[in-house]
Amino acid sequence: MLTVEQVLASQKANVETLMGLTTKAFEGVEKIVELNLTASKAALAETSDHAKALLSVKDAQELLALQSSLFQPLAEKTAAYSRHLYDIASGAGADFSKTFEGQAADAQKKFMGLVDNAAKNAPAGSETAVAVMKSAVAAASNALESVQKAVKQASDVAQSNFNAVAASAADVAKPASKKR
């Protein structure tokens, strides 16, 4: 049987977890805002430099050379920005996943404690029902672990694919800027 103290302790732990997750979420938002401000300042400065360079162009060939020299750095900066944004998002996601995994493990332990307590106080002849209950809890736990592993593997594959695409985009930009 749950006591008032156990319920209050559980509620307190849940509130603390929620506050911790809220703090992590705000930290992620702060990082994204900082990244966007930095990128915006850099883009503004580069636009100014580009406008000045365009004003000093004397012929079409020089204009084409100027434009092609800007293509590769732009592609590399876009890839770097995307990588940084992805790192912020995946870091926040990892924090949330760790918290939820910890909460799930804690809830499972508490539930198993309740099942064990109920088994001790169960009337004679209910051993089969208790065994079925424990088996169901174990099966649910194994299913949850399998899902968590699959999500982690999918996340790792997605990150690997993202890194490969970003590197490929930067590599494609290099020859494209040299052709012009």
N, C-alpha and C. Protein backbone atom coordinates (compact mmCIF):
# COMPACT_ATOMS: atom_id res chain seq x y z
N MET A 1 0.84 -1.18 0.00
CA MET A 1 0.00 0.00 0.00
C MET A 1 0.89 1.24 0.00
N LEU A 2 0.55 2.21 -0.80
CA LEU A 2 1.31 3.45 -0.87
C LEU A 2 0.93 4.35 0.31
N THR A 3 1.96 4.95 0.89
CA THR A 3 1.71 5.89 1.97
C THR A 3 1.66 7.30 1.41
N VAL A 4 1.16 8.23 2.21
CA VAL A 4 1.09 9.64 1.80
C VAL A 4 2.51 10.15 1.53
N GLU A 5 3.47 9.75 2.36
CA GLU A 5 4.85 10.20 2.18
C GLU A 5 5.42 9.72 0.85
N GLN A 6 5.11 8.48 0.46
CA GLN A 6 5.60 7.95 -0.81
C GLN A 6 4.99 8.71 -1.98
N VAL A 7 3.70 9.01 -1.91
CA VAL A 7 3.05 9.78 -2.97
C VAL A 7 3.64 11.17 -3.07
N LEU A 8 3.83 11.83 -1.92
CA LEU A 8 4.42 13.18 -1.92
C LEU A 8 5.85 13.15 -2.45
N ALA A 9 6.63 12.16 -2.06
CA ALA A 9 8.01 12.04 -2.54
C ALA A 9 8.02 11.83 -4.05
N SER A 10 7.10 11.02 -4.54
CA SER A 10 7.00 10.77 -5.98
C SER A 10 6.63 12.05 -6.73
N GLN A 11 5.67 12.79 -6.19
CA GLN A 11 5.26 14.05 -6.82
C GLN A 11 6.40 15.06 -6.81
N LYS A 12 7.14 15.13 -5.72
CA LYS A 12 8.27 16.04 -5.62
C LYS A 12 9.34 15.68 -6.67
N ALA A 13 9.62 14.40 -6.79
CA ALA A 13 10.60 13.94 -7.78
C ALA A 13 10.13 14.28 -9.20
N ASN A 14 8.83 14.11 -9.46
CA ASN A 14 8.30 14.44 -10.79
C ASN A 14 8.41 15.93 -11.09
N VAL A 15 8.12 16.78 -10.09
CA VAL A 15 8.24 18.23 -10.28
C VAL A 15 9.70 18.61 -10.54
N GLU A 16 10.62 18.02 -9.77
CA GLU A 16 12.04 18.30 -9.97
C GLU A 16 12.49 17.87 -11.36
N THR A 17 12.02 16.72 -11.81
CA THR A 17 12.36 16.26 -13.15
C THR A 17 11.82 17.21 -14.20
N LEU A 18 10.57 17.64 -14.04
CA LEU A 18 9.97 18.58 -14.98
C LEU A 18 10.75 19.89 -15.03
N MET A 19 11.14 20.39 -13.86
CA MET A 19 11.91 21.64 -13.82
C MET A 19 13.27 21.46 -14.50
N GLY A 20 13.89 20.32 -14.28
CA GLY A 20 15.17 20.04 -14.93
C GLY A 20 15.03 19.98 -16.44
N LEU A 21 13.98 19.33 -16.92
CA LEU A 21 13.75 19.25 -18.37
C LEU A 21 13.43 20.62 -18.95
N THR A 22 12.67 21.42 -18.21
CA THR A 22 12.35 22.77 -18.67
C THR A 22 13.63 23.60 -18.79
N THR A 23 14.51 23.47 -17.81
CA THR A 23 15.78 24.19 -17.86
C THR A 23 16.59 23.75 -19.07
N LYS A 24 16.65 22.44 -19.32
CA LYS A 24 17.38 21.93 -20.49
C LYS A 24 16.78 22.46 -21.79
N ALA A 25 15.45 22.50 -21.85
CA ALA A 25 14.79 23.01 -23.05
C ALA A 25 15.15 24.48 -23.28
N PHE A 26 15.15 25.28 -22.22
CA PHE A 26 15.51 26.69 -22.37
C PHE A 26 16.98 26.85 -22.75
N GLU A 27 17.84 25.99 -22.23
CA GLU A 27 19.25 26.04 -22.62
C GLU A 27 19.39 25.77 -24.11
N GLY A 28 18.62 24.81 -24.62
CA GLY A 28 18.65 24.51 -26.06
C GLY A 28 18.17 25.69 -26.88
N VAL A 29 17.09 26.33 -26.43
CA VAL A 29 16.56 27.50 -27.13
C VAL A 29 17.59 28.63 -27.11
N GLU A 30 18.24 28.83 -25.96
CA GLU A 30 19.28 29.86 -25.85
C GLU A 30 20.41 29.61 -26.85
N LYS A 31 20.83 28.36 -26.95
CA LYS A 31 21.91 28.01 -27.89
C LYS A 31 21.48 28.28 -29.33
N ILE A 32 20.23 27.95 -29.66
CA ILE A 32 19.75 28.19 -31.03
C ILE A 32 19.67 29.68 -31.31
N VAL A 33 19.18 30.46 -30.35
CA VAL A 33 19.11 31.92 -30.52
C VAL A 33 20.52 32.49 -30.71
N GLU A 34 21.46 32.03 -29.88
CA GLU A 34 22.84 32.49 -29.99
C GLU A 34 23.42 32.13 -31.36
N LEU A 35 23.18 30.91 -31.81
CA LEU A 35 23.66 30.48 -33.12
C LEU A 35 23.07 31.34 -34.22
N ASN A 36 21.76 31.61 -34.16
CA ASN A 36 21.11 32.43 -35.18
C ASN A 36 21.62 33.87 -35.17
N LEU A 37 21.86 34.42 -33.97
CA LEU A 37 22.40 35.79 -33.90
C LEU A 37 23.80 35.85 -34.51
N THR A 38 24.62 34.87 -34.16
CA THR A 38 25.98 34.83 -34.70
C THR A 38 25.94 34.69 -36.23
N ALA A 39 25.10 33.78 -36.72
CA ALA A 39 24.99 33.57 -38.16
C ALA A 39 24.45 34.82 -38.86
N SER A 40 23.48 35.49 -38.24
CA SER A 40 22.91 36.71 -38.83
C SER A 40 23.95 37.83 -38.90
N LYS A 41 24.72 38.00 -37.82
CA LYS A 41 25.77 39.02 -37.82
C LYS A 41 26.80 38.74 -38.90
N ALA A 42 27.21 37.48 -39.00
CA ALA A 42 28.19 37.10 -40.02
C ALA A 42 27.63 37.32 -41.42
N ALA A 43 26.37 36.96 -41.64
CA ALA A 43 25.75 37.14 -42.96
C ALA A 43 25.65 38.62 -43.31
N LEU A 44 25.32 39.45 -42.33
CA LEU A 44 25.22 40.89 -42.58
C LEU A 44 26.59 41.47 -42.96
N ALA A 45 27.61 41.06 -42.23
CA ALA A 45 28.97 41.54 -42.54
C ALA A 45 29.41 41.06 -43.92
N GLU A 46 29.11 39.80 -44.23
CA GLU A 46 29.50 39.26 -45.54
C GLU A 46 28.73 39.93 -46.67
N THR A 47 27.48 40.25 -46.43
CA THR A 47 26.68 40.94 -47.45
C THR A 47 27.26 42.31 -47.73
N SER A 48 27.68 42.98 -46.69
CA SER A 48 28.30 44.30 -46.85
C SER A 48 29.60 44.18 -47.65
N ASP A 49 30.43 43.22 -47.28
CA ASP A 49 31.69 43.01 -48.01
C ASP A 49 31.43 42.64 -49.47
N HIS A 50 30.42 41.80 -49.69
CA HIS A 50 30.07 41.37 -51.04
C HIS A 50 29.59 42.56 -51.88
N ALA A 51 28.77 43.42 -51.26
CA ALA A 51 28.27 44.60 -51.98
C ALA A 51 29.43 45.52 -52.36
N LYS A 52 30.37 45.69 -51.46
CA LYS A 52 31.54 46.53 -51.77
C LYS A 52 32.36 45.92 -52.90
N ALA A 53 32.52 44.59 -52.84
CA ALA A 53 33.29 43.92 -53.90
C ALA A 53 32.57 44.05 -55.25
N LEU A 54 31.25 43.94 -55.25
CA LEU A 54 30.49 44.08 -56.50
C LEU A 54 30.65 45.48 -57.10
N LEU A 55 30.72 46.47 -56.24
CA LEU A 55 30.87 47.84 -56.73
C LEU A 55 32.23 48.09 -57.37
N SER A 56 33.22 47.27 -56.99
CA SER A 56 34.56 47.46 -57.55
C SER A 56 34.82 46.61 -58.79
N VAL A 57 33.84 45.82 -59.23
CA VAL A 57 34.00 44.95 -60.40
C VAL A 57 34.08 45.81 -61.66
N LYS A 58 35.02 45.43 -62.54
CA LYS A 58 35.24 46.22 -63.76
C LYS A 58 34.65 45.57 -65.00
N ASP A 59 34.51 44.22 -65.02
CA ASP A 59 33.94 43.56 -66.19
C ASP A 59 33.19 42.28 -65.80
N ALA A 60 32.56 41.65 -66.79
CA ALA A 60 31.72 40.47 -66.54
C ALA A 60 32.54 39.29 -66.05
N GLN A 61 33.74 39.14 -66.58
CA GLN A 61 34.59 38.02 -66.17
C GLN A 61 34.97 38.13 -64.69
N GLU A 62 35.28 39.35 -64.27
CA GLU A 62 35.61 39.57 -62.87
C GLU A 62 34.38 39.33 -61.99
N LEU A 63 33.20 39.68 -62.50
CA LEU A 63 31.95 39.43 -61.77
C LEU A 63 31.72 37.93 -61.59
N LEU A 64 31.92 37.15 -62.65
CA LEU A 64 31.76 35.70 -62.55
C LEU A 64 32.76 35.09 -61.58
N ALA A 65 33.99 35.56 -61.61
CA ALA A 65 35.01 35.05 -60.69
C ALA A 65 34.63 35.37 -59.25
N LEU A 66 34.12 36.57 -59.02
CA LEU A 66 33.70 36.97 -57.68
C LEU A 66 32.55 36.09 -57.19
N GLN A 67 31.56 35.89 -58.05
CA GLN A 67 30.41 35.07 -57.67
C GLN A 67 30.82 33.63 -57.35
N SER A 68 31.69 33.06 -58.16
CA SER A 68 32.09 31.66 -57.93
C SER A 68 32.95 31.54 -56.67
N SER A 69 33.71 32.58 -56.36
CA SER A 69 34.53 32.52 -55.14
C SER A 69 33.67 32.57 -53.87
N LEU A 70 32.44 33.04 -54.00
CA LEU A 70 31.55 33.12 -52.85
C LEU A 70 30.73 31.84 -52.64
N PHE A 71 30.61 31.01 -53.69
CA PHE A 71 29.75 29.84 -53.62
C PHE A 71 30.24 28.81 -52.60
N GLN A 72 31.52 28.44 -52.67
CA GLN A 72 32.03 27.40 -51.77
C GLN A 72 31.95 27.81 -50.30
N PRO A 73 32.42 29.01 -49.92
CA PRO A 73 32.29 29.38 -48.50
C PRO A 73 30.84 29.39 -48.03
N LEU A 74 29.92 29.78 -48.89
CA LEU A 74 28.51 29.79 -48.52
C LEU A 74 28.02 28.36 -48.23
N ALA A 75 28.38 27.42 -49.10
CA ALA A 75 27.97 26.03 -48.90
C ALA A 75 28.58 25.46 -47.62
N GLU A 76 29.85 25.78 -47.39
CA GLU A 76 30.51 25.29 -46.18
C GLU A 76 29.89 25.89 -44.92
N LYS A 77 29.56 27.17 -44.96
CA LYS A 77 28.94 27.83 -43.81
C LYS A 77 27.54 27.29 -43.56
N THR A 78 26.81 27.02 -44.62
CA THR A 78 25.47 26.45 -44.47
C THR A 78 25.57 25.05 -43.85
N ALA A 79 26.52 24.26 -44.30
CA ALA A 79 26.71 22.92 -43.74
C ALA A 79 27.13 23.01 -42.27
N ALA A 80 28.01 23.95 -41.94
CA ALA A 80 28.45 24.12 -40.55
C ALA A 80 27.29 24.56 -39.66
N TYR A 81 26.48 25.48 -40.17
CA TYR A 81 25.30 25.94 -39.43
C TYR A 81 24.36 24.76 -39.17
N SER A 82 24.09 23.98 -40.21
CA SER A 82 23.19 22.83 -40.07
C SER A 82 23.74 21.82 -39.08
N ARG A 83 25.05 21.57 -39.12
CA ARG A 83 25.69 20.64 -38.18
C ARG A 83 25.53 21.14 -36.75
N HIS A 84 25.78 22.43 -36.55
CA HIS A 84 25.69 23.02 -35.22
C HIS A 84 24.24 22.92 -34.70
N LEU A 85 23.30 23.24 -35.55
CA LEU A 85 21.89 23.16 -35.18
C LEU A 85 21.51 21.73 -34.83
N TYR A 86 21.98 20.78 -35.63
CA TYR A 86 21.71 19.36 -35.37
C TYR A 86 22.33 18.94 -34.04
N ASP A 87 23.55 19.39 -33.76
CA ASP A 87 24.21 19.04 -32.50
C ASP A 87 23.41 19.56 -31.30
N ILE A 88 22.90 20.78 -31.40
CA ILE A 88 22.09 21.34 -30.31
C ILE A 88 20.83 20.49 -30.11
N ALA A 89 20.16 20.19 -31.21
CA ALA A 89 18.92 19.42 -31.12
C ALA A 89 19.17 18.00 -30.61
N SER A 90 20.21 17.35 -31.11
CA SER A 90 20.46 15.97 -30.66
C SER A 90 20.95 15.94 -29.22
N GLY A 91 21.69 16.97 -28.78
CA GLY A 91 22.11 17.04 -27.39
C GLY A 91 20.92 17.19 -26.45
N ALA A 92 19.99 18.05 -26.84
CA ALA A 92 18.78 18.22 -26.02
C ALA A 92 17.96 16.93 -26.02
N GLY A 93 17.86 16.29 -27.17
CA GLY A 93 17.13 15.03 -27.25
C GLY A 93 17.76 13.95 -26.39
N ALA A 94 19.08 13.92 -26.35
CA ALA A 94 19.78 12.93 -25.52
C ALA A 94 19.49 13.17 -24.04
N ASP A 95 19.48 14.44 -23.64
CA ASP A 95 19.17 14.76 -22.25
C ASP A 95 17.76 14.30 -21.88
N PHE A 96 16.81 14.57 -22.78
CA PHE A 96 15.44 14.15 -22.52
C PHE A 96 15.34 12.62 -22.46
N SER A 97 16.03 11.94 -23.38
CA SER A 97 15.99 10.47 -23.40
C SER A 97 16.55 9.88 -22.11
N LYS A 98 17.68 10.42 -21.65
CA LYS A 98 18.28 9.91 -20.41
C LYS A 98 17.31 10.07 -19.24
N THR A 99 16.68 11.23 -19.18
CA THR A 99 15.74 11.49 -18.09
C THR A 99 14.57 10.51 -18.13
N PHE A 100 14.00 10.33 -19.33
CA PHE A 100 12.85 9.44 -19.44
C PHE A 100 13.24 7.99 -19.18
N GLU A 101 14.43 7.59 -19.62
CA GLU A 101 14.88 6.22 -19.34
C GLU A 101 15.03 6.01 -17.83
N GLY A 102 15.62 7.01 -17.16
CA GLY A 102 15.76 6.93 -15.71
C GLY A 102 14.42 6.86 -15.01
N GLN A 103 13.47 7.69 -15.47
CA GLN A 103 12.13 7.69 -14.88
C GLN A 103 11.45 6.34 -15.10
N ALA A 104 11.60 5.78 -16.30
CA ALA A 104 10.97 4.50 -16.61
C ALA A 104 11.55 3.39 -15.73
N ALA A 105 12.87 3.40 -15.56
CA ALA A 105 13.52 2.38 -14.73
C ALA A 105 13.06 2.51 -13.28
N ASP A 106 12.96 3.74 -12.80
CA ASP A 106 12.52 3.98 -11.42
C ASP A 106 11.06 3.53 -11.24
N ALA A 107 10.22 3.88 -12.20
CA ALA A 107 8.80 3.48 -12.12
C ALA A 107 8.67 1.96 -12.15
N GLN A 108 9.50 1.32 -12.98
CA GLN A 108 9.45 -0.13 -13.06
C GLN A 108 9.85 -0.77 -11.73
N LYS A 109 10.91 -0.23 -11.10
CA LYS A 109 11.34 -0.76 -9.80
C LYS A 109 10.23 -0.62 -8.76
N LYS A 110 9.60 0.56 -8.74
CA LYS A 110 8.53 0.79 -7.78
C LYS A 110 7.35 -0.15 -8.04
N PHE A 111 7.02 -0.33 -9.30
CA PHE A 111 5.91 -1.21 -9.63
C PHE A 111 6.23 -2.65 -9.24
N MET A 112 7.46 -3.09 -9.51
CA MET A 112 7.85 -4.45 -9.11
C MET A 112 7.80 -4.59 -7.59
N GLY A 113 8.16 -3.53 -6.87
CA GLY A 113 8.06 -3.54 -5.41
C GLY A 113 6.62 -3.73 -4.96
N LEU A 114 5.70 -3.02 -5.66
CA LEU A 114 4.28 -3.20 -5.34
C LEU A 114 3.81 -4.62 -5.63
N VAL A 115 4.26 -5.17 -6.77
CA VAL A 115 3.87 -6.53 -7.13
C VAL A 115 4.42 -7.51 -6.09
N ASP A 116 5.68 -7.34 -5.70
CA ASP A 116 6.27 -8.23 -4.69
C ASP A 116 5.53 -8.11 -3.36
N ASN A 117 5.20 -6.87 -2.99
CA ASN A 117 4.47 -6.64 -1.74
C ASN A 117 3.09 -7.30 -1.80
N ALA A 118 2.44 -7.15 -2.96
CA ALA A 118 1.12 -7.77 -3.13
C ALA A 118 1.25 -9.29 -3.08
N ALA A 119 2.34 -9.82 -3.64
CA ALA A 119 2.55 -11.27 -3.65
C ALA A 119 2.73 -11.80 -2.23
N LYS A 120 3.43 -11.05 -1.41
CA LYS A 120 3.66 -11.48 -0.02
C LYS A 120 2.34 -11.51 0.77
N ASN A 121 1.47 -10.55 0.45
CA ASN A 121 0.21 -10.44 1.19
C ASN A 121 -0.96 -11.13 0.49
N ALA A 122 -0.67 -11.81 -0.63
CA ALA A 122 -1.74 -12.47 -1.39
C ALA A 122 -2.22 -13.71 -0.65
N PRO A 123 -3.48 -14.02 -0.81
CA PRO A 123 -4.01 -15.23 -0.16
C PRO A 123 -3.40 -16.50 -0.77
N ALA A 124 -3.44 -17.55 -0.04
CA ALA A 124 -2.90 -18.82 -0.50
C ALA A 124 -3.63 -19.25 -1.77
N GLY A 125 -2.87 -19.84 -2.70
CA GLY A 125 -3.45 -20.31 -3.95
C GLY A 125 -3.40 -19.28 -5.07
N SER A 126 -2.91 -18.06 -4.79
CA SER A 126 -2.85 -17.03 -5.84
C SER A 126 -1.45 -16.93 -6.44
N GLU A 127 -0.59 -17.90 -6.17
CA GLU A 127 0.78 -17.86 -6.68
C GLU A 127 0.82 -17.80 -8.21
N THR A 128 -0.08 -18.51 -8.86
CA THR A 128 -0.12 -18.53 -10.33
C THR A 128 -0.43 -17.14 -10.87
N ALA A 129 -1.39 -16.48 -10.28
CA ALA A 129 -1.76 -15.13 -10.72
C ALA A 129 -0.59 -14.16 -10.52
N VAL A 130 0.11 -14.29 -9.40
CA VAL A 130 1.27 -13.43 -9.12
C VAL A 130 2.37 -13.70 -10.13
N ALA A 131 2.61 -14.98 -10.43
CA ALA A 131 3.64 -15.34 -11.41
C ALA A 131 3.29 -14.79 -12.79
N VAL A 132 2.02 -14.86 -13.17
CA VAL A 132 1.60 -14.30 -14.46
C VAL A 132 1.83 -12.79 -14.48
N MET A 133 1.49 -12.13 -13.38
CA MET A 133 1.70 -10.68 -13.28
C MET A 133 3.18 -10.33 -13.42
N LYS A 134 4.03 -11.04 -12.70
CA LYS A 134 5.48 -10.79 -12.78
C LYS A 134 6.00 -11.05 -14.19
N SER A 135 5.51 -12.09 -14.82
CA SER A 135 5.91 -12.41 -16.18
C SER A 135 5.49 -11.30 -17.14
N ALA A 136 4.30 -10.77 -16.98
CA ALA A 136 3.82 -9.69 -17.83
C ALA A 136 4.66 -8.43 -17.65
N VAL A 137 5.01 -8.13 -16.40
CA VAL A 137 5.85 -6.96 -16.13
C VAL A 137 7.23 -7.14 -16.76
N ALA A 138 7.80 -8.33 -16.64
CA ALA A 138 9.11 -8.60 -17.23
C ALA A 138 9.06 -8.49 -18.75
N ALA A 139 7.99 -8.99 -19.36
CA ALA A 139 7.84 -8.90 -20.81
C ALA A 139 7.71 -7.44 -21.25
N ALA A 140 6.95 -6.65 -20.51
CA ALA A 140 6.81 -5.23 -20.83
C ALA A 140 8.14 -4.51 -20.69
N SER A 141 8.90 -4.87 -19.68
CA SER A 141 10.21 -4.27 -19.47
C SER A 141 11.15 -4.60 -20.62
N ASN A 142 11.14 -5.85 -21.04
CA ASN A 142 12.00 -6.26 -22.17
C ASN A 142 11.58 -5.54 -23.45
N ALA A 143 10.29 -5.39 -23.67
CA ALA A 143 9.80 -4.68 -24.85
C ALA A 143 10.25 -3.22 -24.82
N LEU A 144 10.16 -2.59 -23.66
CA LEU A 144 10.59 -1.20 -23.52
C LEU A 144 12.09 -1.06 -23.81
N GLU A 145 12.89 -1.98 -23.28
CA GLU A 145 14.33 -1.95 -23.55
C GLU A 145 14.62 -2.11 -25.03
N SER A 146 13.90 -3.01 -25.69
CA SER A 146 14.10 -3.22 -27.13
C SER A 146 13.76 -1.96 -27.92
N VAL A 147 12.67 -1.30 -27.54
CA VAL A 147 12.28 -0.06 -28.23
C VAL A 147 13.34 1.01 -28.01
N GLN A 148 13.84 1.13 -26.77
CA GLN A 148 14.87 2.13 -26.48
C GLN A 148 16.13 1.86 -27.29
N LYS A 149 16.53 0.61 -27.41
CA LYS A 149 17.72 0.26 -28.21
C LYS A 149 17.49 0.59 -29.68
N ALA A 150 16.30 0.27 -30.18
CA ALA A 150 16.00 0.56 -31.59
C ALA A 150 16.01 2.06 -31.86
N VAL A 151 15.46 2.84 -30.94
CA VAL A 151 15.46 4.30 -31.10
C VAL A 151 16.89 4.83 -31.08
N LYS A 152 17.71 4.31 -30.19
CA LYS A 152 19.12 4.74 -30.11
C LYS A 152 19.85 4.40 -31.41
N GLN A 153 19.64 3.19 -31.92
CA GLN A 153 20.29 2.80 -33.18
C GLN A 153 19.82 3.67 -34.33
N ALA A 154 18.52 3.95 -34.39
CA ALA A 154 17.99 4.80 -35.46
C ALA A 154 18.57 6.21 -35.35
N SER A 155 18.71 6.70 -34.14
CA SER A 155 19.28 8.02 -33.92
C SER A 155 20.74 8.06 -34.36
N ASP A 156 21.49 7.01 -34.03
CA ASP A 156 22.90 6.93 -34.45
C ASP A 156 23.02 6.89 -35.97
N VAL A 157 22.15 6.12 -36.62
CA VAL A 157 22.17 6.03 -38.09
C VAL A 157 21.81 7.38 -38.69
N ALA A 158 20.81 8.06 -38.13
CA ALA A 158 20.41 9.37 -38.63
C ALA A 158 21.55 10.37 -38.50
N GLN A 159 22.25 10.34 -37.37
CA GLN A 159 23.37 11.26 -37.18
C GLN A 159 24.49 10.95 -38.17
N SER A 160 24.78 9.69 -38.38
CA SER A 160 25.81 9.29 -39.33
C SER A 160 25.44 9.74 -40.75
N ASN A 161 24.17 9.54 -41.12
CA ASN A 161 23.71 9.97 -42.44
C ASN A 161 23.78 11.49 -42.58
N PHE A 162 23.40 12.19 -41.54
CA PHE A 162 23.45 13.66 -41.58
C PHE A 162 24.88 14.13 -41.80
N ASN A 163 25.83 13.56 -41.05
CA ASN A 163 27.23 13.94 -41.20
C ASN A 163 27.74 13.63 -42.60
N ALA A 164 27.35 12.49 -43.15
CA ALA A 164 27.78 12.12 -44.49
C ALA A 164 27.21 13.09 -45.54
N VAL A 165 25.93 13.44 -45.40
CA VAL A 165 25.31 14.37 -46.35
C VAL A 165 25.96 15.75 -46.26
N ALA A 166 26.23 16.21 -45.04
CA ALA A 166 26.86 17.53 -44.86
C ALA A 166 28.25 17.55 -45.48
N ALA A 167 29.02 16.48 -45.25
CA ALA A 167 30.37 16.41 -45.83
C ALA A 167 30.29 16.34 -47.36
N SER A 168 29.34 15.57 -47.85
CA SER A 168 29.17 15.44 -49.30
C SER A 168 28.78 16.78 -49.93
N ALA A 169 27.90 17.53 -49.28
CA ALA A 169 27.49 18.84 -49.81
C ALA A 169 28.67 19.79 -49.88
N ALA A 170 29.52 19.77 -48.87
CA ALA A 170 30.70 20.64 -48.88
C ALA A 170 31.66 20.21 -49.98
N ASP A 171 31.81 18.90 -50.18
CA ASP A 171 32.70 18.40 -51.24
C ASP A 171 32.18 18.74 -52.62
N VAL A 172 30.86 18.70 -52.81
CA VAL A 172 30.26 19.04 -54.10
C VAL A 172 30.45 20.52 -54.39
N ALA A 173 30.42 21.33 -53.36
CA ALA A 173 30.55 22.78 -53.54
C ALA A 173 31.94 23.15 -54.02
N LYS A 174 32.96 22.41 -53.61
CA LYS A 174 34.34 22.74 -54.00
C LYS A 174 34.54 22.70 -55.50
N PRO A 175 34.23 21.58 -56.20
CA PRO A 175 34.42 21.57 -57.65
C PRO A 175 33.51 22.55 -58.36
N ALA A 176 32.30 22.75 -57.85
CA ALA A 176 31.36 23.66 -58.49
C ALA A 176 31.91 25.08 -58.49
N SER A 177 32.57 25.47 -57.41
CA SER A 177 33.09 26.83 -57.36
C SER A 177 34.34 26.97 -58.21
N LYS A 178 35.07 25.90 -58.45
CA LYS A 178 36.28 25.95 -59.29
C LYS A 178 35.94 25.99 -60.77
N LYS A 179 34.77 25.42 -61.16
CA LYS A 179 34.37 25.37 -62.57
C LYS A 179 34.04 26.74 -63.11
N ARG A 180 33.61 27.62 -62.29
CA ARG A 180 33.15 28.95 -62.76
C ARG A 180 34.26 29.87 -63.02
